[in-house]
Amino acid sequence: MFNIFKKPYEKGTLEAWAKTCDDIAKVAILAVPVILYNNDPLLQKGINLVALVISAYSTIWGARICRKLAENKED
């Protein structure tokens, strides 16, 4: 009934997903100092930093894909 993943995607939907991905990446980047200055052991800090970097990179990558798909919708 409310299938948001059905094709064809609307341009506005793709732009909204790109903006959401950008916002998630910003939060992951802003969380880095919190991880660095907390009282967790060094190994846990390293694991958390790696997880944040991977999540930030993947969401920026997802936003880029959404924007490219939105550009292709204009053509």
PDB file of N, CA and C in Angstrom:
ATOM      1  N   MET A   1       0.818  -1.178   0.000  1.00  0.00           N
ATOM      2  CA  MET A   1       0.000   0.000   0.000  1.00  0.00           C
ATOM      3  C   MET A   1       0.872   1.255   0.000  1.00  0.00           C
ATOM      4  N   PHE A   2       1.695   1.443   1.025  1.00  0.00           N
ATOM      5  CA  PHE A   2       2.594   2.587   1.093  1.00  0.00           C
ATOM      6  C   PHE A   2       4.019   2.106   0.870  1.00  0.00           C
ATOM      7  N   ASN A   3       4.335   1.705  -0.334  1.00  0.00           N
ATOM      8  CA  ASN A   3       5.655   1.171  -0.640  1.00  0.00           C
ATOM      9  C   ASN A   3       6.556   2.314  -1.095  1.00  0.00           C
ATOM     10  N   ILE A   4       7.469   2.754  -0.209  1.00  0.00           N
ATOM     11  CA  ILE A   4       8.341   3.875  -0.564  1.00  0.00           C
ATOM     12  C   ILE A   4       9.513   3.443  -1.437  1.00  0.00           C
ATOM     13  N   PHE A   5       9.682   2.139  -1.630  1.00  0.00           N
ATOM     14  CA  PHE A   5      10.815   1.653  -2.408  1.00  0.00           C
ATOM     15  C   PHE A   5      10.422   1.226  -3.818  1.00  0.00           C
ATOM     16  N   LYS A   6       9.180   1.487  -4.235  1.00  0.00           N
ATOM     17  CA  LYS A   6       8.767   1.074  -5.571  1.00  0.00           C
ATOM     18  C   LYS A   6       9.337   2.031  -6.614  1.00  0.00           C
ATOM     19  N   LYS A   7       9.565   1.520  -7.773  1.00  0.00           N
ATOM     20  CA  LYS A   7      10.075   2.329  -8.869  1.00  0.00           C
ATOM     21  C   LYS A   7       8.905   2.841  -9.674  1.00  0.00           C
ATOM     22  N   PRO A   8       8.946   3.938 -10.323  1.00  0.00           N
ATOM     23  CA  PRO A   8      10.030   4.910 -10.414  1.00  0.00           C
ATOM     24  C   PRO A   8      10.064   5.828  -9.197  1.00  0.00           C
ATOM     25  N   TYR A   9      11.252   6.178  -8.804  1.00  0.00           N
ATOM     26  CA  TYR A   9      11.437   7.077  -7.669  1.00  0.00           C
ATOM     27  C   TYR A   9      11.174   8.511  -8.107  1.00  0.00           C
ATOM     28  N   GLU A  10      10.602   9.280  -7.221  1.00  0.00           N
ATOM     29  CA  GLU A  10      10.397  10.693  -7.519  1.00  0.00           C
ATOM     30  C   GLU A  10      11.667  11.468  -7.197  1.00  0.00           C
ATOM     31  N   LYS A  11      11.880  12.547  -7.913  1.00  0.00           N
ATOM     32  CA  LYS A  11      13.081  13.360  -7.708  1.00  0.00           C
ATOM     33  C   LYS A  11      13.119  13.936  -6.294  1.00  0.00           C
ATOM     34  N   GLY A  12      11.992  14.370  -5.784  1.00  0.00           N
ATOM     35  CA  GLY A  12      11.932  14.928  -4.433  1.00  0.00           C
ATOM     36  C   GLY A  12      12.280  13.906  -3.365  1.00  0.00           C
ATOM     37  N   THR A  13      11.877  12.668  -3.583  1.00  0.00           N
ATOM     38  CA  THR A  13      12.200  11.603  -2.629  1.00  0.00           C
ATOM     39  C   THR A  13      13.696  11.354  -2.592  1.00  0.00           C
ATOM     40  N   LEU A  14      14.322  11.337  -3.755  1.00  0.00           N
ATOM     41  CA  LEU A  14      15.768  11.123  -3.808  1.00  0.00           C
ATOM     42  C   LEU A  14      16.521  12.269  -3.143  1.00  0.00           C
ATOM     43  N   GLU A  15      16.057  13.494  -3.352  1.00  0.00           N
ATOM     44  CA  GLU A  15      16.706  14.641  -2.709  1.00  0.00           C
ATOM     45  C   GLU A  15      16.533  14.593  -1.194  1.00  0.00           C
ATOM     46  N   ALA A  16      15.372  14.131  -0.736  1.00  0.00           N
ATOM     47  CA  ALA A  16      15.139  14.015   0.708  1.00  0.00           C
ATOM     48  C   ALA A  16      16.044  12.950   1.322  1.00  0.00           C
ATOM     49  N   TRP A  17      16.216  11.828   0.625  1.00  0.00           N
ATOM     50  CA  TRP A  17      17.119  10.785   1.127  1.00  0.00           C
ATOM     51  C   TRP A  17      18.559  11.290   1.159  1.00  0.00           C
ATOM     52  N   ALA A  18      18.959  12.061   0.157  1.00  0.00           N
ATOM     53  CA  ALA A  18      20.319  12.611   0.134  1.00  0.00           C
ATOM     54  C   ALA A  18      20.537  13.562   1.303  1.00  0.00           C
ATOM     55  N   LYS A  19      19.554  14.397   1.587  1.00  0.00           N
ATOM     56  CA  LYS A  19      19.673  15.330   2.715  1.00  0.00           C
ATOM     57  C   LYS A  19      19.721  14.577   4.042  1.00  0.00           C
ATOM     58  N   THR A  20      18.920  13.530   4.166  1.00  0.00           N
ATOM     59  CA  THR A  20      18.934  12.718   5.387  1.00  0.00           C
ATOM     60  C   THR A  20      20.291  12.047   5.570  1.00  0.00           C
ATOM     61  N   CYS A  21      20.847  11.523   4.489  1.00  0.00           N
ATOM     62  CA  CYS A  21      22.175  10.897   4.571  1.00  0.00           C
ATOM     63  C   CYS A  21      23.237  11.913   4.972  1.00  0.00           C
ATOM     64  N   ASP A  22      23.161  13.114   4.435  1.00  0.00           N
ATOM     65  CA  ASP A  22      24.111  14.161   4.818  1.00  0.00           C
ATOM     66  C   ASP A  22      23.994  14.503   6.297  1.00  0.00           C
ATOM     67  N   ASP A  23      22.769  14.580   6.798  1.00  0.00           N
ATOM     68  CA  ASP A  23      22.570  14.896   8.215  1.00  0.00           C
ATOM     69  C   ASP A  23      23.124  13.797   9.122  1.00  0.00           C
ATOM     70  N   ILE A  24      22.943  12.543   8.723  1.00  0.00           N
ATOM     71  CA  ILE A  24      23.482  11.429   9.507  1.00  0.00           C
ATOM     72  C   ILE A  24      25.003  11.477   9.512  1.00  0.00           C
ATOM     73  N   ALA A  25      25.606  11.800   8.370  1.00  0.00           N
ATOM     74  CA  ALA A  25      27.064  11.902   8.302  1.00  0.00           C
ATOM     75  C   ALA A  25      27.578  13.032   9.184  1.00  0.00           C
ATOM     76  N   LYS A  26      26.862  14.151   9.218  1.00  0.00           N
ATOM     77  CA  LYS A  26      27.276  15.264  10.081  1.00  0.00           C
ATOM     78  C   LYS A  26      27.252  14.863  11.547  1.00  0.00           C
ATOM     79  N   VAL A  27      26.232  14.132  11.950  1.00  0.00           N
ATOM     80  CA  VAL A  27      26.141  13.683  13.341  1.00  0.00           C
ATOM     81  C   VAL A  27      27.286  12.731  13.666  1.00  0.00           C
ATOM     82  N   ALA A  28      27.618  11.839  12.738  1.00  0.00           N
ATOM     83  CA  ALA A  28      28.725  10.909  12.975  1.00  0.00           C
ATOM     84  C   ALA A  28      30.047  11.656  13.101  1.00  0.00           C
ATOM     85  N   ILE A  29      30.245  12.684  12.302  1.00  0.00           N
ATOM     86  CA  ILE A  29      31.485  13.464  12.381  1.00  0.00           C
ATOM     87  C   ILE A  29      31.541  14.260  13.681  1.00  0.00           C
ATOM     88  N   LEU A  30      30.404  14.822  14.081  1.00  0.00           N
ATOM     89  CA  LEU A  30      30.374  15.594  15.325  1.00  0.00           C
ATOM     90  C   LEU A  30      30.519  14.714  16.566  1.00  0.00           C
ATOM     91  N   ALA A  31      30.282  13.424  16.444  1.00  0.00           N
ATOM     92  CA  ALA A  31      30.398  12.517  17.584  1.00  0.00           C
ATOM     93  C   ALA A  31      31.842  12.091  17.854  1.00  0.00           C
ATOM     94  N   VAL A  32      32.756  12.387  16.957  1.00  0.00           N
ATOM     95  CA  VAL A  32      34.152  11.969  17.136  1.00  0.00           C
ATOM     96  C   VAL A  32      34.775  12.538  18.413  1.00  0.00           C
ATOM     97  N   PRO A  33      34.648  13.824  18.722  1.00  0.00           N
ATOM     98  CA  PRO A  33      35.239  14.315  19.979  1.00  0.00           C
ATOM     99  C   PRO A  33      34.634  13.670  21.224  1.00  0.00           C
ATOM    100  N   VAL A  34      33.364  13.341  21.157  1.00  0.00           N
ATOM    101  CA  VAL A  34      32.728  12.672  22.295  1.00  0.00           C
ATOM    102  C   VAL A  34      33.379  11.321  22.537  1.00  0.00           C
ATOM    103  N   ILE A  35      33.672  10.609  21.476  1.00  0.00           N
ATOM    104  CA  ILE A  35      34.323   9.303  21.602  1.00  0.00           C
ATOM    105  C   ILE A  35      35.755   9.473  22.107  1.00  0.00           C
ATOM    106  N   LEU A  36      36.452  10.477  21.616  1.00  0.00           N
ATOM    107  CA  LEU A  36      37.852  10.662  22.005  1.00  0.00           C
ATOM    108  C   LEU A  36      38.020  11.032  23.476  1.00  0.00           C
ATOM    109  N   TYR A  37      37.094  11.801  24.015  1.00  0.00           N
ATOM    110  CA  TYR A  37      37.267  12.314  25.372  1.00  0.00           C
ATOM    111  C   TYR A  37      36.422  11.600  26.423  1.00  0.00           C
ATOM    112  N   ASN A  38      35.887  10.422  26.116  1.00  0.00           N
ATOM    113  CA  ASN A  38      35.142   9.695  27.139  1.00  0.00           C
ATOM    114  C   ASN A  38      36.082   8.793  27.940  1.00  0.00           C
ATOM    115  N   ASN A  39      35.551   8.088  28.912  1.00  0.00           N
ATOM    116  CA  ASN A  39      36.371   7.287  29.826  1.00  0.00           C
ATOM    117  C   ASN A  39      36.472   5.819  29.433  1.00  0.00           C
ATOM    118  N   ASP A  40      36.134   5.482  28.213  1.00  0.00           N
ATOM    119  CA  ASP A  40      36.207   4.094  27.769  1.00  0.00           C
ATOM    120  C   ASP A  40      37.660   3.678  27.544  1.00  0.00           C
ATOM    121  N   PRO A  41      37.920   2.360  27.553  1.00  0.00           N
ATOM    122  CA  PRO A  41      39.278   1.882  27.249  1.00  0.00           C
ATOM    123  C   PRO A  41      39.693   2.248  25.819  1.00  0.00           C
ATOM    124  N   LEU A  42      40.980   2.262  25.596  1.00  0.00           N
ATOM    125  CA  LEU A  42      41.528   2.683  24.304  1.00  0.00           C
ATOM    126  C   LEU A  42      41.029   1.803  23.154  1.00  0.00           C
ATOM    127  N   LEU A  43      40.924   0.504  23.384  1.00  0.00           N
ATOM    128  CA  LEU A  43      40.449  -0.398  22.329  1.00  0.00           C
ATOM    129  C   LEU A  43      39.011  -0.069  21.935  1.00  0.00           C
ATOM    130  N   GLN A  44      38.184   0.182  22.913  1.00  0.00           N
ATOM    131  CA  GLN A  44      36.792   0.518  22.620  1.00  0.00           C
ATOM    132  C   GLN A  44      36.689   1.860  21.898  1.00  0.00           C
ATOM    133  N   LYS A  45      37.525   2.813  22.259  1.00  0.00           N
ATOM    134  CA  LYS A  45      37.548   4.094  21.545  1.00  0.00           C
ATOM    135  C   LYS A  45      37.906   3.876  20.078  1.00  0.00           C
ATOM    136  N   GLY A  46      38.905   3.036  19.846  1.00  0.00           N
ATOM    137  CA  GLY A  46      39.317   2.759  18.473  1.00  0.00           C
ATOM    138  C   GLY A  46      38.219   2.099  17.664  1.00  0.00           C
ATOM    139  N   ILE A  47      37.545   1.128  18.269  1.00  0.00           N
ATOM    140  CA  ILE A  47      36.451   0.447  17.570  1.00  0.00           C
ATOM    141  C   ILE A  47      35.322   1.428  17.267  1.00  0.00           C
ATOM    142  N   ASN A  48      34.992   2.267  18.239  1.00  0.00           N
ATOM    143  CA  ASN A  48      33.927   3.253  18.031  1.00  0.00           C
ATOM    144  C   ASN A  48      34.299   4.270  16.957  1.00  0.00           C
ATOM    145  N   LEU A  49      35.561   4.689  16.935  1.00  0.00           N
ATOM    146  CA  LEU A  49      35.998   5.640  15.902  1.00  0.00           C
ATOM    147  C   LEU A  49      35.929   5.024  14.512  1.00  0.00           C
ATOM    148  N   VAL A  50      36.344   3.770  14.406  1.00  0.00           N
ATOM    149  CA  VAL A  50      36.268   3.088  13.115  1.00  0.00           C
ATOM    150  C   VAL A  50      34.812   2.971  12.666  1.00  0.00           C
ATOM    151  N   ALA A  51      33.926   2.643  13.596  1.00  0.00           N
ATOM    152  CA  ALA A  51      32.504   2.539  13.257  1.00  0.00           C
ATOM    153  C   ALA A  51      31.941   3.886  12.808  1.00  0.00           C
ATOM    154  N   LEU A  52      32.343   4.958  13.471  1.00  0.00           N
ATOM    155  CA  LEU A  52      31.870   6.289  13.071  1.00  0.00           C
ATOM    156  C   LEU A  52      32.391   6.686  11.696  1.00  0.00           C
ATOM    157  N   VAL A  53      33.651   6.400  11.435  1.00  0.00           N
ATOM    158  CA  VAL A  53      34.229   6.748  10.131  1.00  0.00           C
ATOM    159  C   VAL A  53      33.542   5.962   9.019  1.00  0.00           C
ATOM    160  N   ILE A  54      33.302   4.679   9.258  1.00  0.00           N
ATOM    161  CA  ILE A  54      32.627   3.859   8.250  1.00  0.00           C
ATOM    162  C   ILE A  54      31.206   4.352   8.017  1.00  0.00           C
ATOM    163  N   SER A  55      30.500   4.669   9.092  1.00  0.00           N
ATOM    164  CA  SER A  55      29.120   5.142   8.921  1.00  0.00           C
ATOM    165  C   SER A  55      29.076   6.503   8.239  1.00  0.00           C
ATOM    166  N   ALA A  56      29.993   7.400   8.581  1.00  0.00           N
ATOM    167  CA  ALA A  56      30.017   8.714   7.937  1.00  0.00           C
ATOM    168  C   ALA A  56      30.330   8.573   6.447  1.00  0.00           C
ATOM    169  N   TYR A  57      31.321   7.765   6.114  1.00  0.00           N
ATOM    170  CA  TYR A  57      31.693   7.587   4.715  1.00  0.00           C
ATOM    171  C   TYR A  57      30.564   6.938   3.925  1.00  0.00           C
ATOM    172  N   SER A  58      29.937   5.919   4.500  1.00  0.00           N
ATOM    173  CA  SER A  58      28.886   5.221   3.765  1.00  0.00           C
ATOM    174  C   SER A  58      27.656   6.094   3.559  1.00  0.00           C
ATOM    175  N   THR A  59      27.331   6.939   4.531  1.00  0.00           N
ATOM    176  CA  THR A  59      26.173   7.812   4.333  1.00  0.00           C
ATOM    177  C   THR A  59      26.475   8.937   3.344  1.00  0.00           C
ATOM    178  N   ILE A  60      27.702   9.433   3.323  1.00  0.00           N
ATOM    179  CA  ILE A  60      28.077  10.424   2.303  1.00  0.00           C
ATOM    180  C   ILE A  60      28.033   9.784   0.918  1.00  0.00           C
ATOM    181  N   TRP A  61      28.473   8.552   0.834  1.00  0.00           N
ATOM    182  CA  TRP A  61      28.434   7.806  -0.419  1.00  0.00           C
ATOM    183  C   TRP A  61      26.983   7.588  -0.863  1.00  0.00           C
ATOM    184  N   GLY A  62      26.109   7.240   0.086  1.00  0.00           N
ATOM    185  CA  GLY A  62      24.694   7.061  -0.230  1.00  0.00           C
ATOM    186  C   GLY A  62      24.043   8.347  -0.699  1.00  0.00           C
ATOM    187  N   ALA A  63      24.410   9.465  -0.083  1.00  0.00           N
ATOM    188  CA  ALA A  63      23.873  10.759  -0.509  1.00  0.00           C
ATOM    189  C   ALA A  63      24.324  11.083  -1.928  1.00  0.00           C
ATOM    190  N   ARG A  64      25.558  10.743  -2.232  1.00  0.00           N
ATOM    191  CA  ARG A  64      26.075  10.997  -3.583  1.00  0.00           C
ATOM    192  C   ARG A  64      25.307  10.175  -4.619  1.00  0.00           C
ATOM    193  N   ILE A  65      25.018   8.926  -4.279  1.00  0.00           N
ATOM    194  CA  ILE A  65      24.251   8.072  -5.192  1.00  0.00           C
ATOM    195  C   ILE A  65      22.848   8.638  -5.398  1.00  0.00           C
ATOM    196  N   CYS A  66      22.218   9.075  -4.319  1.00  0.00           N
ATOM    197  CA  CYS A  66      20.870   9.651  -4.428  1.00  0.00           C
ATOM    198  C   CYS A  66      20.881  10.905  -5.294  1.00  0.00           C
ATOM    199  N   ARG A  67      21.900  11.725  -5.144  1.00  0.00           N
ATOM    200  CA  ARG A  67      21.971  12.948  -5.955  1.00  0.00           C
ATOM    201  C   ARG A  67      22.202  12.629  -7.430  1.00  0.00           C
ATOM    202  N   LYS A  68      23.034  11.621  -7.712  1.00  0.00           N
ATOM    203  CA  LYS A  68      23.254  11.238  -9.111  1.00  0.00           C
ATOM    204  C   LYS A  68      21.972  10.691  -9.728  1.00  0.00           C
ATOM    205  N   LEU A  69      21.227   9.898  -8.958  1.00  0.00           N
ATOM    206  CA  LEU A  69      19.958   9.387  -9.470  1.00  0.00           C
ATOM    207  C   LEU A  69      18.966  10.522  -9.702  1.00  0.00           C
ATOM    208  N   ALA A  70      18.978  11.524  -8.819  1.00  0.00           N
ATOM    209  CA  ALA A  70      18.083  12.673  -8.991  1.00  0.00           C
ATOM    210  C   ALA A  70      18.473  13.480 -10.230  1.00  0.00           C
ATOM    211  N   GLU A  71      19.767  13.606 -10.501  1.00  0.00           N
ATOM    212  CA  GLU A  71      20.210  14.310 -11.710  1.00  0.00           C
ATOM    213  C   GLU A  71      19.781  13.554 -12.957  1.00  0.00           C
ATOM    214  N   ASN A  72      19.844  12.228 -12.904  1.00  0.00           N
ATOM    215  CA  ASN A  72      19.424  11.431 -14.054  1.00  0.00           C
ATOM    216  C   ASN A  72      17.922  11.537 -14.286  1.00  0.00           C
ATOM    217  N   LYS A  73      17.160  11.820 -13.223  1.00  0.00           N
ATOM    218  CA  LYS A  73      15.715  11.987 -13.374  1.00  0.00           C
ATOM    219  C   LYS A  73      15.388  13.243 -14.172  1.00  0.00           C
ATOM    220  N   GLU A  74      16.247  14.263 -14.104  1.00  0.00           N
ATOM    221  CA  GLU A  74      16.006  15.506 -14.838  1.00  0.00           C
ATOM    222  C   GLU A  74      16.166  15.303 -16.333  1.00  0.00           C
ATOM    223  N   ASP A  75      17.064  14.414 -16.728  1.00  0.00           N
ATOM    224  CA  ASP A  75      17.341  14.198 -18.158  1.00  0.00           C
ATOM    225  C   ASP A  75      16.218  13.464 -18.848  1.00  0.00           C
TER     226      ASP A  75
END
